[in-house]
PDB file of N, CA and C in Angstrom:
ATOM      1  N   MET A   1       4.966 -24.395  31.133  1.00  0.00           N
ATOM      2  CA  MET A   1       5.148 -25.068  29.934  1.00  0.00           C
ATOM      3  C   MET A   1       4.924 -26.451  30.293  1.00  0.00           C
ATOM      4  N   SER A   2       4.176 -27.153  29.208  1.00  0.00           N
ATOM      5  CA  SER A   2       4.147 -28.710  29.265  1.00  0.00           C
ATOM      6  C   SER A   2       5.138 -29.188  28.388  1.00  0.00           C
ATOM      7  N   THR A   3       5.167 -30.556  28.574  1.00  0.00           N
ATOM      8  CA  THR A   3       6.215 -31.479  28.052  1.00  0.00           C
ATOM      9  C   THR A   3       6.347 -31.392  26.429  1.00  0.00           C
ATOM     10  N   ASN A   4       5.427 -30.751  25.772  1.00  0.00           N
ATOM     11  CA  ASN A   4       5.201 -30.726  24.076  1.00  0.00           C
ATOM     12  C   ASN A   4       5.896 -29.100  24.012  1.00  0.00           C
ATOM     13  N   GLY A   5       6.560 -28.319  24.797  1.00  0.00           N
ATOM     14  CA  GLY A   5       6.815 -27.189  24.347  1.00  0.00           C
ATOM     15  C   GLY A   5       5.941 -25.903  24.281  1.00  0.00           C
ATOM     16  N   ARG A   6       4.443 -26.176  24.429  1.00  0.00           N
ATOM     17  CA  ARG A   6       3.564 -25.288  24.616  1.00  0.00           C
ATOM     18  C   ARG A   6       3.214 -24.884  25.928  1.00  0.00           C
ATOM     19  N   VAL A   7       2.844 -23.472  25.622  1.00  0.00           N
ATOM     20  CA  VAL A   7       2.390 -22.642  26.864  1.00  0.00           C
ATOM     21  C   VAL A   7       1.031 -22.767  27.292  1.00  0.00           C
ATOM     22  N   ALA A   8       0.838 -23.042  28.420  1.00  0.00           N
ATOM     23  CA  ALA A   8      -0.698 -23.737  28.845  1.00  0.00           C
ATOM     24  C   ALA A   8      -1.689 -22.058  28.611  1.00  0.00           C
ATOM     25  N   GLY A   9      -2.838 -22.347  28.075  1.00  0.00           N
ATOM     26  CA  GLY A   9      -3.515 -21.030  27.837  1.00  0.00           C
ATOM     27  C   GLY A   9      -3.190 -20.226  26.823  1.00  0.00           C
ATOM     28  N   VAL A  10      -2.223 -20.420  26.059  1.00  0.00           N
ATOM     29  CA  VAL A  10      -1.888 -19.518  24.834  1.00  0.00           C
ATOM     30  C   VAL A  10      -2.148 -20.215  23.603  1.00  0.00           C
ATOM     31  N   PRO A  11      -3.103 -19.642  22.803  1.00  0.00           N
ATOM     32  CA  PRO A  11      -3.519 -20.298  21.323  1.00  0.00           C
ATOM     33  C   PRO A  11      -2.055 -20.415  20.600  1.00  0.00           C
ATOM     34  N   GLN A  12      -2.037 -21.515  19.715  1.00  0.00           N
ATOM     35  CA  GLN A  12      -1.070 -22.004  19.048  1.00  0.00           C
ATOM     36  C   GLN A  12      -1.378 -21.505  17.850  1.00  0.00           C
ATOM     37  N   GLU A  13      -0.465 -21.049  17.040  1.00  0.00           N
ATOM     38  CA  GLU A  13      -0.578 -20.799  15.655  1.00  0.00           C
ATOM     39  C   GLU A  13      -1.235 -22.028  14.870  1.00  0.00           C
ATOM     40  N   GLY A  14      -2.404 -21.700  13.896  1.00  0.00           N
ATOM     41  CA  GLY A  14      -2.807 -22.912  13.252  1.00  0.00           C
ATOM     42  C   GLY A  14      -3.930 -23.761  13.950  1.00  0.00           C
ATOM     43  N   SER A  15      -4.296 -23.222  15.090  1.00  0.00           N
ATOM     44  CA  SER A  15      -5.261 -24.017  16.036  1.00  0.00           C
ATOM     45  C   SER A  15      -6.409 -23.260  16.405  1.00  0.00           C
ATOM     46  N   GLY A  16      -7.499 -23.782  16.732  1.00  0.00           N
ATOM     47  CA  GLY A  16      -8.587 -23.221  17.431  1.00  0.00           C
ATOM     48  C   GLY A  16      -9.451 -22.202  16.196  1.00  0.00           C
ATOM     49  N   PRO A  17     -10.558 -21.652  16.789  1.00  0.00           N
ATOM     50  CA  PRO A  17     -11.101 -20.707  15.989  1.00  0.00           C
ATOM     51  C   PRO A  17     -10.266 -19.461  15.245  1.00  0.00           C
ATOM     52  N   LEU A  18      -9.376 -19.286  15.620  1.00  0.00           N
ATOM     53  CA  LEU A  18      -8.347 -18.124  15.150  1.00  0.00           C
ATOM     54  C   LEU A  18      -7.555 -18.920  14.052  1.00  0.00           C
ATOM     55  N   LYS A  19      -7.606 -20.031  13.514  1.00  0.00           N
ATOM     56  CA  LYS A  19      -6.688 -20.808  12.937  1.00  0.00           C
ATOM     57  C   LYS A  19      -6.247 -19.976  11.534  1.00  0.00           C
ATOM     58  N   GLY A  20      -4.851 -19.825  11.512  1.00  0.00           N
ATOM     59  CA  GLY A  20      -4.286 -19.117  10.391  1.00  0.00           C
ATOM     60  C   GLY A  20      -4.256 -17.430  10.538  1.00  0.00           C
ATOM     61  N   CYS A  21      -5.039 -17.061  11.939  1.00  0.00           N
ATOM     62  CA  CYS A  21      -4.884 -15.733  12.058  1.00  0.00           C
ATOM     63  C   CYS A  21      -3.451 -15.343  12.816  1.00  0.00           C
ATOM     64  N   MET A  22      -3.044 -15.808  13.390  1.00  0.00           N
ATOM     65  CA  MET A  22      -1.812 -15.719  14.267  1.00  0.00           C
ATOM     66  C   MET A  22      -0.761 -14.974  13.222  1.00  0.00           C
ATOM     67  N   ASN A  23      -0.335 -15.400  12.226  1.00  0.00           N
ATOM     68  CA  ASN A  23       0.696 -15.015  11.302  1.00  0.00           C
ATOM     69  C   ASN A  23      -0.131 -14.358   9.960  1.00  0.00           C
ATOM     70  N   THR A  24      -0.081 -12.890  10.171  1.00  0.00           N
ATOM     71  CA  THR A  24      -0.794 -12.299   9.055  1.00  0.00           C
ATOM     72  C   THR A  24       0.190 -11.190   8.478  1.00  0.00           C
ATOM     73  N   SER A  25       1.506 -11.291   8.946  1.00  0.00           N
ATOM     74  CA  SER A  25       2.357 -10.290   8.139  1.00  0.00           C
ATOM     75  C   SER A  25       2.466 -10.508   6.733  1.00  0.00           C
ATOM     76  N   SER A  26       2.643 -11.781   6.265  1.00  0.00           N
ATOM     77  CA  SER A  26       2.530 -12.253   4.633  1.00  0.00           C
ATOM     78  C   SER A  26       1.399 -12.031   3.868  1.00  0.00           C
ATOM     79  N   GLN A  27       0.204 -12.057   4.686  1.00  0.00           N
ATOM     80  CA  GLN A  27      -1.100 -11.942   4.174  1.00  0.00           C
ATOM     81  C   GLN A  27      -1.846 -10.906   4.172  1.00  0.00           C
ATOM     82  N   THR A  28      -0.909  -9.504   4.488  1.00  0.00           N
ATOM     83  CA  THR A  28      -1.582  -8.393   4.980  1.00  0.00           C
ATOM     84  C   THR A  28      -1.795  -7.861   3.204  1.00  0.00           C
ATOM     85  N   PRO A  29      -3.056  -7.333   2.604  1.00  0.00           N
ATOM     86  CA  PRO A  29      -3.196  -6.571   1.614  1.00  0.00           C
ATOM     87  C   PRO A  29      -2.449  -5.351   1.222  1.00  0.00           C
ATOM     88  N   PRO A  30      -1.882  -4.807   0.100  1.00  0.00           N
ATOM     89  CA  PRO A  30      -1.331  -3.704  -0.149  1.00  0.00           C
ATOM     90  C   PRO A  30      -2.083  -2.570   0.364  1.00  0.00           C
ATOM     91  N   THR A  31      -1.638  -1.571   0.675  1.00  0.00           N
ATOM     92  CA  THR A  31      -2.319  -0.286   1.009  1.00  0.00           C
ATOM     93  C   THR A  31      -3.181   0.274  -0.290  1.00  0.00           C
ATOM     94  N   LEU A  32      -4.439   0.667  -0.053  1.00  0.00           N
ATOM     95  CA  LEU A  32      -5.074   1.274  -1.076  1.00  0.00           C
ATOM     96  C   LEU A  32      -4.778   2.757  -1.640  1.00  0.00           C
ATOM     97  N   LEU A  33      -4.677   3.368  -0.153  1.00  0.00           N
ATOM     98  CA  LEU A  33      -4.267   4.812  -0.729  1.00  0.00           C
ATOM     99  C   LEU A  33      -3.009   5.270  -0.090  1.00  0.00           C
ATOM    100  N   LEU A  34      -2.126   5.802  -1.048  1.00  0.00           N
ATOM    101  CA  LEU A  34      -0.897   6.347  -0.622  1.00  0.00           C
ATOM    102  C   LEU A  34      -0.537   7.718  -0.431  1.00  0.00           C
ATOM    103  N   ASN A  35       0.344   8.312   0.694  1.00  0.00           N
ATOM    104  CA  ASN A  35       0.411   9.533   0.716  1.00  0.00           C
ATOM    105  C   ASN A  35       1.498   9.941  -0.392  1.00  0.00           C
ATOM    106  N   LEU A  36       1.886  11.220  -0.534  1.00  0.00           N
ATOM    107  CA  LEU A  36       2.616  11.563  -1.464  1.00  0.00           C
ATOM    108  C   LEU A  36       3.998  11.186  -1.513  1.00  0.00           C
ATOM    109  N   ASN A  37       4.510  11.182  -0.091  1.00  0.00           N
ATOM    110  CA  ASN A  37       5.758  10.746   0.120  1.00  0.00           C
ATOM    111  C   ASN A  37       5.906   9.246  -0.364  1.00  0.00           C
ATOM    112  N   GLU A  38       4.831   8.318  -0.267  1.00  0.00           N
ATOM    113  CA  GLU A  38       4.910   7.047  -0.652  1.00  0.00           C
ATOM    114  C   GLU A  38       4.897   6.851  -2.125  1.00  0.00           C
ATOM    115  N   VAL A  39       4.037   7.583  -2.734  1.00  0.00           N
ATOM    116  CA  VAL A  39       3.878   7.755  -4.151  1.00  0.00           C
ATOM    117  C   VAL A  39       5.267   8.244  -4.785  1.00  0.00           C
ATOM    118  N   ALA A  40       5.784   9.212  -4.219  1.00  0.00           N
ATOM    119  CA  ALA A  40       7.261   9.592  -4.767  1.00  0.00           C
ATOM    120  C   ALA A  40       8.404   8.587  -4.637  1.00  0.00           C
ATOM    121  N   ALA A  41       8.220   7.775  -3.676  1.00  0.00           N
ATOM    122  CA  ALA A  41       9.132   6.549  -3.447  1.00  0.00           C
ATOM    123  C   ALA A  41       8.590   5.627  -4.472  1.00  0.00           C
ATOM    124  N   GLN A  42       7.523   5.160  -5.027  1.00  0.00           N
ATOM    125  CA  GLN A  42       7.167   4.202  -5.789  1.00  0.00           C
ATOM    126  C   GLN A  42       7.386   4.702  -7.120  1.00  0.00           C
ATOM    127  N   LEU A  43       7.382   5.849  -7.456  1.00  0.00           N
ATOM    128  CA  LEU A  43       7.969   6.465  -8.921  1.00  0.00           C
ATOM    129  C   LEU A  43       9.408   6.704  -8.892  1.00  0.00           C
ATOM    130  N   ARG A  44       9.760   6.841  -7.632  1.00  0.00           N
ATOM    131  CA  ARG A  44      11.314   7.180  -7.644  1.00  0.00           C
ATOM    132  C   ARG A  44      11.349   8.666  -8.198  1.00  0.00           C
ATOM    133  N   TRP A  45      10.639   9.679  -7.972  1.00  0.00           N
ATOM    134  CA  TRP A  45      10.673  11.005  -7.809  1.00  0.00           C
ATOM    135  C   TRP A  45      10.669  12.020  -6.621  1.00  0.00           C
ATOM    136  N   THR A  46      10.722  13.191  -6.736  1.00  0.00           N
ATOM    137  CA  THR A  46      10.719  13.872  -5.614  1.00  0.00           C
ATOM    138  C   THR A  46       9.162  14.073  -5.201  1.00  0.00           C
ATOM    139  N   ARG A  47       8.832  14.506  -3.954  1.00  0.00           N
ATOM    140  CA  ARG A  47       7.394  14.786  -3.386  1.00  0.00           C
ATOM    141  C   ARG A  47       6.941  16.107  -4.412  1.00  0.00           C
ATOM    142  N   ARG A  48       7.547  16.921  -4.715  1.00  0.00           N
ATOM    143  CA  ARG A  48       7.458  18.153  -5.301  1.00  0.00           C
ATOM    144  C   ARG A  48       7.000  17.811  -6.971  1.00  0.00           C
ATOM    145  N   SER A  49       7.591  16.605  -7.367  1.00  0.00           N
ATOM    146  CA  SER A  49       7.328  16.380  -8.791  1.00  0.00           C
ATOM    147  C   SER A  49       5.928  15.772  -8.778  1.00  0.00           C
ATOM    148  N   VAL A  50       5.572  14.911  -7.649  1.00  0.00           N
ATOM    149  CA  VAL A  50       4.197  14.283  -7.620  1.00  0.00           C
ATOM    150  C   VAL A  50       3.294  15.420  -7.485  1.00  0.00           C
ATOM    151  N   GLU A  51       3.691  16.489  -6.513  1.00  0.00           N
ATOM    152  CA  GLU A  51       2.656  17.468  -6.338  1.00  0.00           C
ATOM    153  C   GLU A  51       2.309  18.346  -7.646  1.00  0.00           C
ATOM    154  N   ARG A  52       3.602  18.583  -8.530  1.00  0.00           N
ATOM    155  CA  ARG A  52       3.502  19.171  -9.931  1.00  0.00           C
ATOM    156  C   ARG A  52       2.220  18.381 -10.742  1.00  0.00           C
ATOM    157  N   GLN A  53       2.344  16.862 -10.643  1.00  0.00           N
ATOM    158  CA  GLN A  53       1.493  16.354 -11.755  1.00  0.00           C
ATOM    159  C   GLN A  53       0.070  16.251 -11.346  1.00  0.00           C
ATOM    160  N   ILE A  54       0.013  16.431  -9.974  1.00  0.00           N
ATOM    161  CA  ILE A  54      -1.595  16.618  -9.168  1.00  0.00           C
ATOM    162  C   ILE A  54      -2.047  17.831  -9.652  1.00  0.00           C
ATOM    163  N   ALA A  55      -1.004  19.035  -9.633  1.00  0.00           N
ATOM    164  CA  ALA A  55      -1.653  20.241  -9.840  1.00  0.00           C
ATOM    165  C   ALA A  55      -1.996  20.387 -11.479  1.00  0.00           C
ATOM    166  N   CYS A  56      -1.196  19.814 -12.252  1.00  0.00           N
ATOM    167  CA  CYS A  56      -1.520  19.822 -13.690  1.00  0.00           C
ATOM    168  C   CYS A  56      -2.759  18.672 -13.925  1.00  0.00           C
ATOM    169  N   ARG A  57      -2.986  18.139 -13.000  1.00  0.00           N
ATOM    170  CA  ARG A  57      -4.262  17.098 -13.200  1.00  0.00           C
ATOM    171  C   ARG A  57      -3.878  15.841 -14.273  1.00  0.00           C
ATOM    172  N   ARG A  58      -2.715  15.504 -13.957  1.00  0.00           N
ATOM    173  CA  ARG A  58      -2.194  14.389 -14.768  1.00  0.00           C
ATOM    174  C   ARG A  58      -2.202  13.264 -13.920  1.00  0.00           C
ATOM    175  N   LEU A  59      -2.111  13.611 -12.614  1.00  0.00           N
ATOM    176  CA  LEU A  59      -2.241  12.389 -11.772  1.00  0.00           C
ATOM    177  C   LEU A  59      -3.426  12.772 -10.668  1.00  0.00           C
ATOM    178  N   ARG A  60      -4.240  11.887 -10.455  1.00  0.00           N
ATOM    179  CA  ARG A  60      -5.535  11.959  -9.875  1.00  0.00           C
ATOM    180  C   ARG A  60      -5.373  11.861  -8.516  1.00  0.00           C
ATOM    181  N   ALA A  61      -5.899  12.613  -7.437  1.00  0.00           N
ATOM    182  CA  ALA A  61      -5.486  12.638  -6.200  1.00  0.00           C
ATOM    183  C   ALA A  61      -6.822  12.681  -5.443  1.00  0.00           C
ATOM    184  N   ILE A  62      -6.900  12.021  -4.111  1.00  0.00           N
ATOM    185  CA  ILE A  62      -8.161  12.028  -3.428  1.00  0.00           C
ATOM    186  C   ILE A  62      -7.886  13.054  -2.023  1.00  0.00           C
ATOM    187  N   HIS A  63      -8.524  13.957  -1.857  1.00  0.00           N
ATOM    188  CA  HIS A  63      -8.383  14.744  -0.892  1.00  0.00           C
ATOM    189  C   HIS A  63      -9.190  14.649   0.519  1.00  0.00           C
ATOM    190  N   LEU A  64      -8.730  14.285   1.643  1.00  0.00           N
ATOM    191  CA  LEU A  64      -9.256  13.883   2.693  1.00  0.00           C
ATOM    192  C   LEU A  64      -8.957  14.734   3.790  1.00  0.00           C
ATOM    193  N   GLY A  65      -9.922  15.836   4.119  1.00  0.00           N
ATOM    194  CA  GLY A  65      -9.331  16.682   4.991  1.00  0.00           C
ATOM    195  C   GLY A  65      -8.122  17.635   4.421  1.00  0.00           C
ATOM    196  N   ARG A  66      -7.236  17.557   5.148  1.00  0.00           N
ATOM    197  CA  ARG A  66      -5.866  18.123   4.846  1.00  0.00           C
ATOM    198  C   ARG A  66      -4.891  17.357   4.101  1.00  0.00           C
ATOM    199  N   SER A  67      -5.388  15.844   4.132  1.00  0.00           N
ATOM    200  CA  SER A  67      -4.457  14.911   3.609  1.00  0.00           C
ATOM    201  C   SER A  67      -4.701  14.843   2.045  1.00  0.00           C
ATOM    202  N   VAL A  68      -3.715  14.422   1.307  1.00  0.00           N
ATOM    203  CA  VAL A  68      -3.930  14.163  -0.004  1.00  0.00           C
ATOM    204  C   VAL A  68      -3.268  12.694  -0.219  1.00  0.00           C
ATOM    205  N   ARG A  69      -4.277  11.799  -0.749  1.00  0.00           N
ATOM    206  CA  ARG A  69      -3.880  10.399  -1.022  1.00  0.00           C
ATOM    207  C   ARG A  69      -3.830  10.288  -2.518  1.00  0.00           C
ATOM    208  N   VAL A  70      -3.170   8.960  -2.932  1.00  0.00           N
ATOM    209  CA  VAL A  70      -3.312   8.604  -4.543  1.00  0.00           C
ATOM    210  C   VAL A  70      -3.624   7.155  -4.239  1.00  0.00           C
ATOM    211  N   GLU A  71      -4.678   6.694  -5.039  1.00  0.00           N
ATOM    212  CA  GLU A  71      -4.789   5.381  -5.257  1.00  0.00           C
ATOM    213  C   GLU A  71      -3.942   4.420  -6.034  1.00  0.00           C
ATOM    214  N   ARG A  72      -3.622   3.347  -5.496  1.00  0.00           N
ATOM    215  CA  ARG A  72      -2.495   2.588  -6.046  1.00  0.00           C
ATOM    216  C   ARG A  72      -2.910   2.373  -7.419  1.00  0.00           C
ATOM    217  N   THR A  73      -4.215   2.025  -7.858  1.00  0.00           N
ATOM    218  CA  THR A  73      -4.513   1.820  -9.365  1.00  0.00           C
ATOM    219  C   THR A  73      -4.332   3.219 -10.116  1.00  0.00           C
ATOM    220  N   GLU A  74      -4.204   4.166  -9.402  1.00  0.00           N
ATOM    221  CA  GLU A  74      -4.065   5.424 -10.027  1.00  0.00           C
ATOM    222  C   GLU A  74      -2.719   5.544 -10.748  1.00  0.00           C
ATOM    223  N   ILE A  75      -1.757   5.008  -9.757  1.00  0.00           N
ATOM    224  CA  ILE A  75      -0.363   5.121  -9.973  1.00  0.00           C
ATOM    225  C   ILE A  75       0.017   4.292 -11.397  1.00  0.00           C
ATOM    226  N   ASP A  76      -0.730   3.063 -11.531  1.00  0.00           N
ATOM    227  CA  ASP A  76      -0.433   2.067 -12.479  1.00  0.00           C
ATOM    228  C   ASP A  76      -1.143   2.775 -13.682  1.00  0.00           C
ATOM    229  N   ARG A  77      -2.190   3.708 -13.740  1.00  0.00           N
ATOM    230  CA  ARG A  77      -2.831   4.335 -14.669  1.00  0.00           C
ATOM    231  C   ARG A  77      -1.859   5.597 -15.332  1.00  0.00           C
ATOM    232  N   PHE A  78      -1.372   6.168 -14.303  1.00  0.00           N
ATOM    233  CA  PHE A  78      -0.323   7.273 -14.838  1.00  0.00           C
ATOM    234  C   PHE A  78       0.877   6.835 -15.273  1.00  0.00           C
ATOM    235  N   VAL A  79       1.356   5.661 -14.807  1.00  0.00           N
ATOM    236  CA  VAL A  79       2.650   4.957 -15.454  1.00  0.00           C
ATOM    237  C   VAL A  79       2.246   4.494 -16.994  1.00  0.00           C
ATOM    238  N   ALA A  80       0.785   4.008 -16.928  1.00  0.00           N
ATOM    239  CA  ALA A  80       0.871   3.440 -18.430  1.00  0.00           C
ATOM    240  C   ALA A  80       0.435   4.718 -19.176  1.00  0.00           C
ATOM    241  N   SER A  81      -0.205   5.646 -18.971  1.00  0.00           N
ATOM    242  CA  SER A  81      -0.270   6.969 -19.791  1.00  0.00           C
ATOM    243  C   SER A  81       1.041   7.502 -20.369  1.00  0.00           C
ATOM    244  N   LEU A  82       2.066   7.428 -19.140  1.00  0.00           N
ATOM    245  CA  LEU A  82       3.382   7.827 -19.728  1.00  0.00           C
ATOM    246  C   LEU A  82       4.085   6.892 -20.717  1.00  0.00           C
ATOM    247  N   ARG A  83       3.854   5.689 -20.758  1.00  0.00           N
ATOM    248  CA  ARG A  83       4.052   4.589 -21.670  1.00  0.00           C
ATOM    249  C   ARG A  83       3.522   4.969 -23.069  1.00  0.00           C
ATOM    250  N   ASP A  84       2.440   5.207 -23.117  1.00  0.00           N
ATOM    251  CA  ASP A  84       1.672   5.412 -24.425  1.00  0.00           C
ATOM    252  C   ASP A  84       2.222   6.811 -25.090  1.00  0.00           C
ATOM    253  N   VAL A  85       2.546   7.607 -24.341  1.00  0.00           N
ATOM    254  CA  VAL A  85       3.043   9.087 -24.818  1.00  0.00           C
ATOM    255  C   VAL A  85       4.783   8.814 -25.389  1.00  0.00           C
ATOM    256  N   ASP A  86       5.232   7.903 -24.606  1.00  0.00           N
ATOM    257  CA  ASP A  86       6.729   7.621 -24.998  1.00  0.00           C
ATOM    258  C   ASP A  86       6.631   6.561 -26.393  1.00  0.00           C
ATOM    259  N   ALA A  87       5.679   5.712 -26.272  1.00  0.00           N
ATOM    260  CA  ALA A  87       5.420   5.037 -27.657  1.00  0.00           C
ATOM    261  C   ALA A  87       5.244   5.553 -28.952  1.00  0.00           C
ATOM    262  N   GLY A  88       4.577   6.733 -28.777  1.00  0.00           N
ATOM    263  CA  GLY A  88       4.028   7.426 -30.101  1.00  0.00           C
ATOM    264  C   GLY A  88       5.160   8.352 -30.471  1.00  0.00           C
TER     265      GLY A  88
END
């Protein structure tokens, strides 16, 4: 360790070619596809309620092999459609 508190040979945050790349925790974009447990947590529903909405084709899902995912934008659309029904 040198007199300025830096470890020799270890890149410091905000320096060199990786400037700004060391601290990415706050810059991570939100997940595009959510699994059914994550969707249920977002809506504060049970997983089974989410499965029912997908089965009734009210909530659109993407099937990747055996996995079922829902786009974050689809959750926004679904919630907006619930608002429209409640308003009328």
